[in-house]
Amino acid sequence: MTSRSRRTTASVVAALAVLGALTSCGTRGGTADASPRPPASAGRTAADSPGGAVRSGTVAGDVTASPSDRAPTATGRTDRPGSRCRTPELSAAVGRMDPGAGQRNFPVVLTNVSSRACTLYGYPGAAFVDAAGERLGPDPRRAPGDAATVTLAPGESAWAGLRYASPGVSGARTAVPAALLVTPPDERVPLRVPWKAGEVPVSGNASSVFLGVLEPGSGP
């Protein structure tokens, strides 16, 4: 082998040695990628994470439900809005007493005095009051009955039966009201009706007063 060949061979061996050293220093565990990758979840937002999506337009801790997430609103009534009779559209009256066996019975009448048809449903409210407006005794209790919507054309009426045991028979403590306050169903403002039927029971045994559901007409 000539001296020139020896020098060439030596140069190749030296170059291979340097390349091997560089290769062993630049790898770990036999891999060629020395830069560790971040975890798969690093840098993700909540919108990228499965099961952790946040709706747009919200901030942490204040997630607003979309309309489909909200519980349905319960109404309890099926009447068309605006069809119900309002207090200013009605007048109230107490009809003639219909005596029974130890009972006093009265029709409490509501009449449509407006220019439109409207509806009543269920029980009216009622309370006996003195001249100062103070209540006398507990409010009447609801008598069992099947409620139905009553449609009143202008000038038409509906009535509910008011009854109580005759105080002379029941022995209940009595008072003489100045008026009966009648509140139409679902309203808050009552109508004041002068009371002219004498004493009513306000406490003691058999002192309960009962009021029925509204029916078409002005009485039995």
N, C-alpha and C. Protein backbone atom coordinates (compact mmCIF):
# COMPACT_ATOMS: atom_id res chain seq x y z
N MET A 1 0.87 -1.20 0.00
CA MET A 1 0.00 0.00 0.00
C MET A 1 0.90 1.23 0.00
N THR A 2 0.55 2.21 -0.85
CA THR A 2 1.37 3.41 -0.93
C THR A 2 1.06 4.33 0.23
N SER A 3 1.92 5.28 0.41
CA SER A 3 1.73 6.24 1.50
C SER A 3 0.51 7.09 1.26
N ARG A 4 0.24 7.36 -0.04
CA ARG A 4 -0.98 8.16 -0.31
C ARG A 4 -2.24 7.39 0.07
N SER A 5 -2.29 6.08 -0.23
CA SER A 5 -3.45 5.25 0.11
C SER A 5 -3.64 5.19 1.62
N ARG A 6 -2.43 5.08 2.33
CA ARG A 6 -2.56 5.02 3.80
C ARG A 6 -3.19 6.30 4.34
N ARG A 7 -2.77 7.45 3.78
CA ARG A 7 -3.32 8.72 4.27
C ARG A 7 -4.83 8.83 4.00
N THR A 8 -5.28 8.36 2.83
CA THR A 8 -6.71 8.42 2.48
C THR A 8 -7.54 7.53 3.40
N THR A 9 -6.99 6.32 3.64
CA THR A 9 -7.71 5.39 4.53
C THR A 9 -7.83 5.97 5.93
N ALA A 10 -6.75 6.57 6.41
CA ALA A 10 -6.77 7.16 7.75
C ALA A 10 -7.77 8.28 7.85
N SER A 11 -7.89 9.08 6.79
CA SER A 11 -8.83 10.20 6.80
C SER A 11 -10.27 9.70 6.86
N VAL A 12 -10.56 8.62 6.09
CA VAL A 12 -11.92 8.07 6.11
C VAL A 12 -12.27 7.53 7.48
N VAL A 13 -11.31 6.79 8.10
CA VAL A 13 -11.57 6.23 9.44
C VAL A 13 -11.81 7.34 10.44
N ALA A 14 -11.03 8.41 10.36
CA ALA A 14 -11.19 9.53 11.30
C ALA A 14 -12.54 10.18 11.13
N ALA A 15 -12.96 10.34 9.86
CA ALA A 15 -14.27 10.98 9.62
C ALA A 15 -15.39 10.13 10.15
N LEU A 16 -15.29 8.79 9.98
CA LEU A 16 -16.32 7.91 10.52
C LEU A 16 -16.38 7.96 12.03
N ALA A 17 -15.24 8.07 12.68
CA ALA A 17 -15.22 8.15 14.14
C ALA A 17 -15.90 9.40 14.65
N VAL A 18 -15.60 10.54 13.97
CA VAL A 18 -16.23 11.80 14.38
C VAL A 18 -17.73 11.75 14.19
N LEU A 19 -18.20 11.18 13.06
CA LEU A 19 -19.63 11.08 12.79
C LEU A 19 -20.32 10.21 13.83
N GLY A 20 -19.67 9.09 14.23
CA GLY A 20 -20.27 8.24 15.26
C GLY A 20 -20.40 8.94 16.58
N ALA A 21 -19.40 9.74 16.93
CA ALA A 21 -19.46 10.47 18.21
C ALA A 21 -20.59 11.47 18.22
N LEU A 22 -20.72 12.18 17.08
CA LEU A 22 -21.81 13.17 17.00
C LEU A 22 -23.18 12.51 17.08
N THR A 23 -23.30 11.35 16.44
CA THR A 23 -24.58 10.64 16.45
C THR A 23 -24.94 10.17 17.83
N SER A 24 -24.01 9.63 18.62
CA SER A 24 -24.29 9.14 19.97
C SER A 24 -24.62 10.26 20.91
N CYS A 25 -24.06 11.46 20.70
CA CYS A 25 -24.37 12.59 21.58
C CYS A 25 -25.72 13.20 21.26
N GLY A 26 -26.24 13.06 20.08
CA GLY A 26 -27.49 13.71 19.68
C GLY A 26 -28.70 12.85 19.83
N THR A 27 -28.59 11.62 20.35
CA THR A 27 -29.76 10.75 20.52
C THR A 27 -29.85 10.28 21.94
N ARG A 28 -31.12 9.91 22.33
CA ARG A 28 -31.36 9.35 23.66
C ARG A 28 -32.18 8.11 23.48
N GLY A 29 -31.70 7.05 24.08
CA GLY A 29 -32.47 5.80 24.04
C GLY A 29 -32.59 5.26 22.63
N GLY A 30 -31.66 5.61 21.77
CA GLY A 30 -31.70 5.08 20.43
C GLY A 30 -32.64 5.79 19.50
N THR A 31 -33.24 6.95 19.93
CA THR A 31 -34.14 7.71 19.07
C THR A 31 -33.41 8.89 18.49
N ALA A 32 -33.94 9.41 17.38
CA ALA A 32 -33.27 10.51 16.72
C ALA A 32 -33.82 11.86 17.13
N ASP A 33 -34.90 11.93 17.93
CA ASP A 33 -35.54 13.19 18.33
C ASP A 33 -35.12 13.52 19.74
N ALA A 34 -34.28 14.53 19.90
CA ALA A 34 -33.78 14.89 21.23
C ALA A 34 -34.69 15.86 21.95
N SER A 35 -35.66 16.44 21.27
CA SER A 35 -36.53 17.44 21.90
C SER A 35 -37.78 16.78 22.44
N PRO A 36 -38.00 16.75 23.79
CA PRO A 36 -39.19 16.11 24.35
C PRO A 36 -40.44 16.87 23.96
N ARG A 37 -41.48 16.15 23.54
CA ARG A 37 -42.74 16.78 23.15
C ARG A 37 -43.60 17.05 24.39
N PRO A 38 -44.36 18.13 24.36
CA PRO A 38 -45.26 18.40 25.50
C PRO A 38 -46.34 17.36 25.58
N PRO A 39 -46.97 17.19 26.78
CA PRO A 39 -48.08 16.24 26.92
C PRO A 39 -49.19 16.58 25.95
N ALA A 40 -49.98 15.55 25.60
CA ALA A 40 -51.02 15.75 24.59
C ALA A 40 -52.02 16.81 25.00
N SER A 41 -52.26 17.00 26.33
CA SER A 41 -53.26 17.97 26.79
C SER A 41 -52.70 19.36 26.96
N ALA A 42 -51.38 19.52 26.92
CA ALA A 42 -50.80 20.82 27.18
C ALA A 42 -51.17 21.79 26.07
N GLY A 43 -51.53 23.01 26.44
CA GLY A 43 -51.86 24.03 25.46
C GLY A 43 -53.28 23.94 24.94
N ARG A 44 -54.08 22.94 25.38
CA ARG A 44 -55.46 22.84 24.93
C ARG A 44 -56.35 23.80 25.72
N THR A 45 -57.38 24.28 25.07
CA THR A 45 -58.40 25.06 25.76
C THR A 45 -59.54 24.15 26.16
N ALA A 46 -60.45 24.68 26.97
CA ALA A 46 -61.58 23.85 27.40
C ALA A 46 -62.41 23.43 26.21
N ALA A 47 -62.43 24.24 25.16
CA ALA A 47 -63.24 23.88 24.01
C ALA A 47 -62.64 22.72 23.24
N ASP A 48 -61.31 22.46 23.41
CA ASP A 48 -60.67 21.35 22.71
C ASP A 48 -60.78 20.05 23.45
N SER A 49 -61.07 20.10 24.75
CA SER A 49 -61.03 18.91 25.58
C SER A 49 -62.36 18.19 25.54
N PRO A 50 -62.38 16.91 25.27
CA PRO A 50 -63.64 16.16 25.27
C PRO A 50 -64.31 16.23 26.62
N GLY A 51 -65.62 16.48 26.63
CA GLY A 51 -66.38 16.55 27.88
C GLY A 51 -66.17 17.81 28.64
N GLY A 52 -65.32 18.74 28.15
CA GLY A 52 -65.07 19.97 28.90
C GLY A 52 -65.39 21.20 28.11
N ALA A 53 -66.27 21.07 27.12
CA ALA A 53 -66.57 22.20 26.25
C ALA A 53 -67.29 23.29 27.01
N VAL A 54 -66.97 24.54 26.73
CA VAL A 54 -67.62 25.71 27.31
C VAL A 54 -68.29 26.45 26.18
N ARG A 55 -69.56 26.81 26.36
CA ARG A 55 -70.28 27.51 25.31
C ARG A 55 -69.72 28.90 25.13
N SER A 56 -69.73 29.36 23.89
CA SER A 56 -69.25 30.70 23.62
C SER A 56 -70.13 31.72 24.33
N GLY A 57 -69.49 32.84 24.72
CA GLY A 57 -70.24 33.88 25.40
C GLY A 57 -70.35 33.67 26.89
N THR A 58 -69.65 32.71 27.46
CA THR A 58 -69.71 32.47 28.90
C THR A 58 -68.33 32.65 29.48
N VAL A 59 -68.28 32.82 30.81
CA VAL A 59 -67.02 32.91 31.51
C VAL A 59 -66.97 31.80 32.53
N ALA A 60 -65.78 31.50 33.00
CA ALA A 60 -65.63 30.40 33.96
C ALA A 60 -66.49 30.65 35.17
N GLY A 61 -67.21 29.60 35.57
CA GLY A 61 -68.06 29.70 36.76
C GLY A 61 -69.40 30.32 36.48
N ASP A 62 -69.66 30.68 35.23
CA ASP A 62 -70.94 31.31 34.91
C ASP A 62 -71.41 30.80 33.56
N VAL A 63 -71.67 29.50 33.50
CA VAL A 63 -72.11 28.88 32.25
C VAL A 63 -73.61 29.07 32.12
N THR A 64 -74.03 29.75 31.09
CA THR A 64 -75.44 30.01 30.87
C THR A 64 -76.02 28.92 30.00
N ALA A 65 -77.11 28.32 30.44
CA ALA A 65 -77.71 27.23 29.69
C ALA A 65 -78.38 27.76 28.45
N SER A 66 -78.32 26.97 27.39
CA SER A 66 -79.05 27.32 26.18
C SER A 66 -80.52 27.05 26.41
N PRO A 67 -81.41 27.61 25.57
CA PRO A 67 -82.86 27.39 25.79
C PRO A 67 -83.25 25.93 25.90
N SER A 68 -82.57 25.05 25.17
CA SER A 68 -82.94 23.63 25.23
C SER A 68 -82.56 22.98 26.54
N ASP A 69 -81.65 23.63 27.31
CA ASP A 69 -81.23 23.07 28.59
C ASP A 69 -82.15 23.47 29.72
N ARG A 70 -82.93 24.50 29.54
CA ARG A 70 -83.75 25.02 30.63
C ARG A 70 -85.00 24.18 30.81
N ALA A 71 -85.44 24.09 32.07
CA ALA A 71 -86.68 23.35 32.34
C ALA A 71 -87.86 24.11 31.76
N PRO A 72 -88.86 23.41 31.27
CA PRO A 72 -90.03 24.11 30.73
C PRO A 72 -90.74 24.90 31.82
N THR A 73 -91.29 26.01 31.45
CA THR A 73 -92.00 26.86 32.39
C THR A 73 -93.42 26.35 32.57
N ALA A 74 -93.83 26.15 33.84
CA ALA A 74 -95.19 25.69 34.13
C ALA A 74 -96.11 26.89 34.18
N THR A 75 -97.26 26.80 33.52
CA THR A 75 -98.20 27.90 33.50
C THR A 75 -99.40 27.65 34.39
N GLY A 76 -99.93 26.42 34.41
CA GLY A 76 -101.07 26.11 35.25
C GLY A 76 -102.40 26.53 34.67
N ARG A 77 -102.40 27.34 33.59
CA ARG A 77 -103.63 27.78 32.96
C ARG A 77 -103.50 27.62 31.46
N THR A 78 -104.62 27.38 30.79
CA THR A 78 -104.62 27.22 29.35
C THR A 78 -105.43 28.31 28.65
N ASP A 79 -105.93 29.29 29.38
CA ASP A 79 -106.69 30.37 28.75
C ASP A 79 -105.77 31.21 27.87
N ARG A 80 -106.33 31.74 26.79
CA ARG A 80 -105.55 32.64 25.96
C ARG A 80 -105.24 33.91 26.76
N PRO A 81 -104.00 34.46 26.61
CA PRO A 81 -103.67 35.69 27.33
C PRO A 81 -104.66 36.80 27.01
N GLY A 82 -105.13 37.47 28.05
CA GLY A 82 -106.05 38.58 27.87
C GLY A 82 -107.51 38.19 27.87
N SER A 83 -107.82 36.88 27.92
CA SER A 83 -109.23 36.48 27.87
C SER A 83 -109.88 36.48 29.24
N ARG A 84 -109.08 36.47 30.32
CA ARG A 84 -109.64 36.39 31.66
C ARG A 84 -110.37 37.68 32.03
N CYS A 85 -111.46 37.54 32.76
CA CYS A 85 -112.17 38.73 33.26
C CYS A 85 -111.34 39.40 34.34
N ARG A 86 -111.12 40.68 34.20
CA ARG A 86 -110.39 41.47 35.19
C ARG A 86 -111.37 42.17 36.13
N THR A 87 -110.89 42.51 37.31
CA THR A 87 -111.77 43.12 38.31
C THR A 87 -112.53 44.33 37.78
N PRO A 88 -111.87 45.29 37.07
CA PRO A 88 -112.62 46.47 36.61
C PRO A 88 -113.70 46.15 35.58
N GLU A 89 -113.67 44.95 35.01
CA GLU A 89 -114.66 44.57 34.01
C GLU A 89 -115.88 43.89 34.61
N LEU A 90 -115.91 43.76 35.94
CA LEU A 90 -116.96 43.01 36.60
C LEU A 90 -117.66 43.85 37.67
N SER A 91 -118.90 43.47 37.93
CA SER A 91 -119.60 43.95 39.12
C SER A 91 -119.96 42.73 39.95
N ALA A 92 -120.15 42.94 41.26
CA ALA A 92 -120.47 41.84 42.16
C ALA A 92 -121.75 42.15 42.92
N ALA A 93 -122.47 41.09 43.26
CA ALA A 93 -123.70 41.24 44.04
C ALA A 93 -123.92 39.96 44.82
N VAL A 94 -124.71 40.06 45.87
CA VAL A 94 -125.14 38.89 46.64
C VAL A 94 -126.64 38.75 46.45
N GLY A 95 -127.05 37.60 45.95
CA GLY A 95 -128.47 37.39 45.67
C GLY A 95 -129.29 37.08 46.91
N ARG A 96 -130.54 36.80 46.68
CA ARG A 96 -131.49 36.54 47.78
C ARG A 96 -131.15 35.25 48.49
N MET A 97 -131.32 35.24 49.82
CA MET A 97 -131.03 34.05 50.61
C MET A 97 -132.00 32.93 50.25
N ASP A 98 -131.45 31.74 50.15
CA ASP A 98 -132.26 30.54 49.92
C ASP A 98 -132.11 29.66 51.15
N PRO A 99 -133.04 29.73 52.11
CA PRO A 99 -132.88 28.98 53.35
C PRO A 99 -133.03 27.48 53.12
N GLY A 100 -132.21 26.71 53.85
CA GLY A 100 -132.32 25.26 53.81
C GLY A 100 -132.54 24.74 55.22
N ALA A 101 -132.35 23.44 55.41
CA ALA A 101 -132.51 22.84 56.73
C ALA A 101 -131.33 23.23 57.61
N GLY A 102 -131.51 24.30 58.39
CA GLY A 102 -130.44 24.78 59.26
C GLY A 102 -129.31 25.46 58.50
N GLN A 103 -129.55 25.81 57.25
CA GLN A 103 -128.51 26.42 56.41
C GLN A 103 -128.98 27.77 55.87
N ARG A 104 -128.03 28.63 55.60
CA ARG A 104 -128.29 29.85 54.87
C ARG A 104 -127.45 29.81 53.59
N ASN A 105 -128.07 29.99 52.47
CA ASN A 105 -127.42 29.88 51.16
C ASN A 105 -127.63 31.16 50.36
N PHE A 106 -126.55 31.65 49.74
CA PHE A 106 -126.60 32.88 48.95
C PHE A 106 -125.83 32.68 47.65
N PRO A 107 -126.34 33.19 46.55
CA PRO A 107 -125.52 33.23 45.34
C PRO A 107 -124.66 34.51 45.32
N VAL A 108 -123.37 34.31 45.13
CA VAL A 108 -122.47 35.44 44.93
C VAL A 108 -122.28 35.58 43.42
N VAL A 109 -122.73 36.71 42.87
CA VAL A 109 -122.84 36.87 41.42
C VAL A 109 -121.80 37.86 40.89
N LEU A 110 -121.11 37.45 39.82
CA LEU A 110 -120.19 38.32 39.10
C LEU A 110 -120.76 38.54 37.70
N THR A 111 -120.87 39.80 37.29
CA THR A 111 -121.45 40.15 35.99
C THR A 111 -120.43 40.91 35.15
N ASN A 112 -120.37 40.54 33.89
CA ASN A 112 -119.46 41.21 32.95
C ASN A 112 -120.06 42.55 32.54
N VAL A 113 -119.43 43.64 32.96
CA VAL A 113 -119.92 44.97 32.61
C VAL A 113 -119.05 45.63 31.55
N SER A 114 -118.13 44.85 30.95
CA SER A 114 -117.26 45.40 29.91
C SER A 114 -117.92 45.23 28.54
N SER A 115 -117.21 45.67 27.50
CA SER A 115 -117.72 45.56 26.14
C SER A 115 -117.13 44.38 25.39
N ARG A 116 -116.43 43.50 26.08
CA ARG A 116 -115.84 42.33 25.44
C ARG A 116 -116.23 41.07 26.20
N ALA A 117 -116.14 39.93 25.54
CA ALA A 117 -116.35 38.65 26.22
C ALA A 117 -115.09 38.30 27.00
N CYS A 118 -115.28 37.68 28.17
CA CYS A 118 -114.14 37.28 28.99
C CYS A 118 -114.51 36.00 29.74
N THR A 119 -113.55 35.40 30.41
CA THR A 119 -113.78 34.11 31.04
C THR A 119 -113.48 34.15 32.54
N LEU A 120 -114.17 33.28 33.26
CA LEU A 120 -113.92 33.04 34.68
C LEU A 120 -113.70 31.54 34.87
N TYR A 121 -112.82 31.20 35.81
CA TYR A 121 -112.56 29.77 36.04
C TYR A 121 -112.27 29.54 37.51
N GLY A 122 -113.00 28.62 38.11
CA GLY A 122 -112.69 28.19 39.47
C GLY A 122 -113.47 28.93 40.53
N TYR A 123 -112.76 29.23 41.63
CA TYR A 123 -113.39 29.82 42.81
C TYR A 123 -113.09 31.31 42.90
N PRO A 124 -114.07 32.12 43.26
CA PRO A 124 -113.75 33.49 43.65
C PRO A 124 -113.22 33.51 45.08
N GLY A 125 -112.61 34.61 45.45
CA GLY A 125 -112.24 34.82 46.85
C GLY A 125 -113.32 35.61 47.55
N ALA A 126 -113.43 35.46 48.88
CA ALA A 126 -114.45 36.19 49.62
C ALA A 126 -113.99 36.39 51.06
N ALA A 127 -114.43 37.50 51.65
CA ALA A 127 -114.11 37.78 53.05
C ALA A 127 -115.14 38.76 53.60
N PHE A 128 -115.64 38.47 54.80
CA PHE A 128 -116.50 39.41 55.50
C PHE A 128 -115.64 40.45 56.20
N VAL A 129 -116.06 41.73 56.13
CA VAL A 129 -115.30 42.80 56.78
C VAL A 129 -116.26 43.71 57.54
N ASP A 130 -115.71 44.40 58.55
CA ASP A 130 -116.53 45.38 59.28
C ASP A 130 -116.42 46.74 58.59
N ALA A 131 -116.98 47.77 59.22
CA ALA A 131 -117.00 49.10 58.61
C ALA A 131 -115.61 49.67 58.42
N ALA A 132 -114.66 49.22 59.23
CA ALA A 132 -113.29 49.71 59.12
C ALA A 132 -112.47 48.89 58.12
N GLY A 133 -113.08 47.87 57.53
CA GLY A 133 -112.36 47.04 56.58
C GLY A 133 -111.61 45.88 57.20
N GLU A 134 -111.79 45.67 58.51
CA GLU A 134 -111.13 44.55 59.18
C GLU A 134 -111.91 43.25 58.94
N ARG A 135 -111.19 42.19 58.75
CA ARG A 135 -111.83 40.90 58.47
C ARG A 135 -112.54 40.36 59.71
N LEU A 136 -113.65 39.71 59.46
CA LEU A 136 -114.42 39.07 60.51
C LEU A 136 -114.39 37.57 60.28
N GLY A 137 -113.69 36.86 61.15
CA GLY A 137 -113.61 35.42 61.01
C GLY A 137 -112.70 35.00 59.87
N PRO A 138 -112.50 33.70 59.73
CA PRO A 138 -111.64 33.19 58.66
C PRO A 138 -112.33 33.31 57.30
N ASP A 139 -111.52 33.29 56.24
CA ASP A 139 -112.09 33.31 54.89
C ASP A 139 -112.90 32.05 54.64
N PRO A 140 -113.91 32.13 53.78
CA PRO A 140 -114.69 30.93 53.46
C PRO A 140 -113.83 29.81 52.91
N ARG A 141 -114.22 28.59 53.22
CA ARG A 141 -113.53 27.40 52.71
C ARG A 141 -114.14 27.01 51.37
N ARG A 142 -113.34 26.34 50.54
CA ARG A 142 -113.83 25.92 49.23
C ARG A 142 -114.68 24.66 49.34
N ALA A 143 -115.88 24.75 48.83
CA ALA A 143 -116.75 23.57 48.78
C ALA A 143 -116.33 22.70 47.60
N PRO A 144 -116.42 21.38 47.73
CA PRO A 144 -116.04 20.51 46.61
C PRO A 144 -116.87 20.84 45.37
N GLY A 145 -116.22 20.78 44.22
CA GLY A 145 -116.91 21.06 42.97
C GLY A 145 -115.98 20.91 41.79
N ASP A 146 -116.54 20.72 40.62
CA ASP A 146 -115.76 20.58 39.39
C ASP A 146 -115.71 21.93 38.68
N ALA A 147 -114.52 22.49 38.63
CA ALA A 147 -114.36 23.80 37.99
C ALA A 147 -114.39 23.66 36.48
N ALA A 148 -114.98 24.64 35.82
CA ALA A 148 -115.02 24.70 34.36
C ALA A 148 -114.96 26.16 33.94
N THR A 149 -114.39 26.41 32.79
CA THR A 149 -114.31 27.78 32.28
C THR A 149 -115.71 28.28 31.91
N VAL A 150 -116.04 29.45 32.42
CA VAL A 150 -117.33 30.09 32.12
C VAL A 150 -117.04 31.33 31.27
N THR A 151 -117.58 31.35 30.07
CA THR A 151 -117.39 32.50 29.17
C THR A 151 -118.58 33.44 29.32
N LEU A 152 -118.25 34.70 29.61
CA LEU A 152 -119.29 35.71 29.82
C LEU A 152 -119.26 36.71 28.68
N ALA A 153 -120.34 36.78 27.92
CA ALA A 153 -120.51 37.88 26.97
C ALA A 153 -120.86 39.14 27.77
N PRO A 154 -120.72 40.31 27.18
CA PRO A 154 -121.12 41.52 27.91
C PRO A 154 -122.53 41.42 28.47
N GLY A 155 -122.69 41.69 29.77
CA GLY A 155 -123.99 41.62 30.43
C GLY A 155 -124.31 40.28 31.05
N GLU A 156 -123.54 39.23 30.76
CA GLU A 156 -123.81 37.91 31.33
C GLU A 156 -123.14 37.74 32.69
N SER A 157 -123.64 36.73 33.46
CA SER A 157 -123.20 36.55 34.84
C SER A 157 -122.79 35.11 35.13
N ALA A 158 -122.01 34.97 36.19
CA ALA A 158 -121.68 33.67 36.77
C ALA A 158 -121.87 33.79 38.27
N TRP A 159 -122.15 32.66 38.92
CA TRP A 159 -122.41 32.71 40.35
C TRP A 159 -121.71 31.56 41.08
N ALA A 160 -121.43 31.78 42.36
CA ALA A 160 -120.87 30.76 43.24
C ALA A 160 -121.70 30.74 44.52
N GLY A 161 -121.98 29.56 45.03
CA GLY A 161 -122.83 29.43 46.22
C GLY A 161 -122.05 29.69 47.50
N LEU A 162 -122.58 30.58 48.34
CA LEU A 162 -122.02 30.87 49.67
C LEU A 162 -122.99 30.30 50.69
N ARG A 163 -122.49 29.47 51.61
CA ARG A 163 -123.39 28.86 52.58
C ARG A 163 -122.72 28.72 53.95
N TYR A 164 -123.53 28.71 54.97
CA TYR A 164 -123.05 28.46 56.33
C TYR A 164 -124.23 28.02 57.18
N ALA A 165 -123.90 27.37 58.29
CA ALA A 165 -124.96 26.91 59.20
C ALA A 165 -125.60 28.11 59.88
N SER A 166 -126.90 28.04 60.05
CA SER A 166 -127.61 29.13 60.71
C SER A 166 -127.07 29.31 62.13
N PRO A 167 -126.59 30.51 62.49
CA PRO A 167 -126.02 30.70 63.82
C PRO A 167 -126.97 30.34 64.95
N GLY A 168 -128.29 30.52 64.76
CA GLY A 168 -129.23 30.16 65.80
C GLY A 168 -129.27 28.67 66.06
N VAL A 169 -128.86 27.87 65.08
CA VAL A 169 -128.82 26.42 65.23
C VAL A 169 -127.44 25.94 65.68
N SER A 170 -126.41 26.53 65.09
CA SER A 170 -125.05 26.05 65.35
C SER A 170 -124.50 26.52 66.69
N GLY A 171 -124.97 27.66 67.18
CA GLY A 171 -124.43 28.20 68.42
C GLY A 171 -123.09 28.88 68.25
N ALA A 172 -122.67 29.14 67.01
CA ALA A 172 -121.38 29.80 66.77
C ALA A 172 -121.44 31.26 67.20
N ARG A 173 -120.29 31.84 67.55
CA ARG A 173 -120.23 33.27 67.85
C ARG A 173 -120.39 34.02 66.54
N THR A 174 -121.10 35.12 66.56
CA THR A 174 -121.45 35.82 65.32
C THR A 174 -120.98 37.28 65.33
N ALA A 175 -121.03 37.85 64.16
CA ALA A 175 -120.80 39.29 63.98
C ALA A 175 -121.64 39.72 62.78
N VAL A 176 -121.90 41.00 62.69
CA VAL A 176 -122.66 41.54 61.56
C VAL A 176 -121.70 42.30 60.65
N PRO A 177 -121.40 41.77 59.48
CA PRO A 177 -120.45 42.45 58.58
C PRO A 177 -121.05 43.71 57.97
N ALA A 178 -120.16 44.60 57.58
CA ALA A 178 -120.59 45.76 56.80
C ALA A 178 -120.58 45.43 55.32
N ALA A 179 -119.70 44.49 54.92
CA ALA A 179 -119.58 44.19 53.49
C ALA A 179 -118.97 42.81 53.30
N LEU A 180 -119.16 42.30 52.10
CA LEU A 180 -118.48 41.09 51.66
C LEU A 180 -117.53 41.50 50.53
N LEU A 181 -116.25 41.20 50.69
CA LEU A 181 -115.28 41.46 49.63
C LEU A 181 -115.22 40.25 48.72
N VAL A 182 -115.42 40.46 47.43
CA VAL A 182 -115.43 39.38 46.45
C VAL A 182 -114.30 39.63 45.45
N THR A 183 -113.40 38.67 45.35
CA THR A 183 -112.26 38.79 44.43
C THR A 183 -112.42 37.80 43.29
N PRO A 184 -112.47 38.26 42.05
CA PRO A 184 -112.58 37.33 40.91
C PRO A 184 -111.38 36.39 40.86
N PRO A 185 -111.55 35.22 40.26
CA PRO A 185 -110.44 34.26 40.18
C PRO A 185 -109.21 34.87 39.51
N ASP A 186 -108.06 34.60 40.10
CA ASP A 186 -106.76 35.03 39.58
C ASP A 186 -106.54 36.53 39.62
N GLU A 187 -107.41 37.26 40.31
CA GLU A 187 -107.23 38.69 40.49
C GLU A 187 -106.83 38.98 41.93
N ARG A 188 -106.35 40.19 42.17
CA ARG A 188 -105.93 40.59 43.52
C ARG A 188 -106.80 41.71 44.10
N VAL A 189 -107.48 42.44 43.26
CA VAL A 189 -108.29 43.57 43.72
C VAL A 189 -109.73 43.09 43.91
N PRO A 190 -110.30 43.24 45.11
CA PRO A 190 -111.68 42.76 45.36
C PRO A 190 -112.73 43.80 44.98
N LEU A 191 -113.95 43.31 44.89
CA LEU A 191 -115.13 44.15 44.74
C LEU A 191 -115.87 44.16 46.07
N ARG A 192 -116.31 45.32 46.50
CA ARG A 192 -116.97 45.45 47.80
C ARG A 192 -118.49 45.42 47.61
N VAL A 193 -119.13 44.48 48.30
CA VAL A 193 -120.59 44.33 48.21
C VAL A 193 -121.18 44.58 49.60
N PRO A 194 -122.04 45.56 49.77
CA PRO A 194 -122.67 45.76 51.08
C PRO A 194 -123.40 44.50 51.53
N TRP A 195 -123.23 44.15 52.81
CA TRP A 195 -123.86 42.94 53.36
C TRP A 195 -125.12 43.34 54.12
N LYS A 196 -126.26 42.80 53.71
CA LYS A 196 -127.55 43.15 54.30
C LYS A 196 -128.29 41.95 54.85
N ALA A 197 -127.58 40.84 55.04
CA ALA A 197 -128.25 39.61 55.47
C ALA A 197 -128.01 39.29 56.94
N GLY A 198 -127.58 40.27 57.72
CA GLY A 198 -127.47 40.07 59.16
C GLY A 198 -126.21 39.34 59.60
N GLU A 199 -126.33 38.68 60.75
CA GLU A 199 -125.17 38.08 61.39
C GLU A 199 -124.63 36.87 60.62
N VAL A 200 -123.35 36.66 60.78
CA VAL A 200 -122.68 35.51 60.17
C VAL A 200 -121.80 34.87 61.23
N PRO A 201 -121.51 33.58 61.14
CA PRO A 201 -120.64 32.94 62.14
C PRO A 201 -119.19 33.34 61.90
N VAL A 202 -118.49 33.63 63.01
CA VAL A 202 -117.09 34.03 62.88
C VAL A 202 -116.14 33.16 63.70
N SER A 203 -116.67 32.43 64.69
CA SER A 203 -115.80 31.54 65.47
C SER A 203 -116.67 30.54 66.23
N GLY A 204 -116.02 29.52 66.79
CA GLY A 204 -116.74 28.51 67.56
C GLY A 204 -117.12 27.33 66.69
N ASN A 205 -117.87 26.43 67.28
CA ASN A 205 -118.30 25.23 66.58
C ASN A 205 -119.20 25.56 65.39
N ALA A 206 -119.02 24.81 64.32
CA ALA A 206 -119.85 24.95 63.11
C ALA A 206 -119.84 26.38 62.57
N SER A 207 -118.68 27.02 62.67
CA SER A 207 -118.60 28.41 62.21
C SER A 207 -118.07 28.54 60.79
N SER A 208 -117.75 27.43 60.14
CA SER A 208 -117.17 27.50 58.80
C SER A 208 -118.18 28.03 57.79
N VAL A 209 -117.66 28.85 56.88
CA VAL A 209 -118.43 29.35 55.75
C VAL A 209 -117.83 28.70 54.50
N PHE A 210 -118.68 28.28 53.56
CA PHE A 210 -118.21 27.57 52.37
C PHE A 210 -118.59 28.36 51.11
N LEU A 211 -117.70 28.28 50.12
CA LEU A 211 -117.92 28.96 48.85
C LEU A 211 -117.64 27.99 47.71
N GLY A 212 -118.56 27.92 46.74
CA GLY A 212 -118.44 26.94 45.65
C GLY A 212 -117.76 27.52 44.42
N VAL A 213 -117.64 26.66 43.39
CA VAL A 213 -117.05 27.08 42.13
C VAL A 213 -118.05 27.93 41.35
N LEU A 214 -117.54 28.70 40.41
CA LEU A 214 -118.39 29.55 39.58
C LEU A 214 -119.10 28.72 38.51
N GLU A 215 -120.39 29.06 38.32
CA GLU A 215 -121.23 28.42 37.32
C GLU A 215 -121.91 29.49 36.49
N PRO A 216 -122.34 29.17 35.28
CA PRO A 216 -123.06 30.18 34.49
C PRO A 216 -124.38 30.55 35.13
N GLY A 217 -124.80 31.80 34.96
CA GLY A 217 -126.10 32.26 35.47
C GLY A 217 -125.95 33.15 36.67
N SER A 218 -127.09 33.42 37.30
CA SER A 218 -127.11 34.32 38.45
C SER A 218 -127.62 33.63 39.71
N GLY A 219 -127.75 32.32 39.68
CA GLY A 219 -128.19 31.61 40.87
C GLY A 219 -128.98 30.37 40.53
N PRO A 220 -129.30 29.56 41.55
CA PRO A 220 -130.06 28.32 41.33
C PRO A 220 -131.51 28.59 40.95
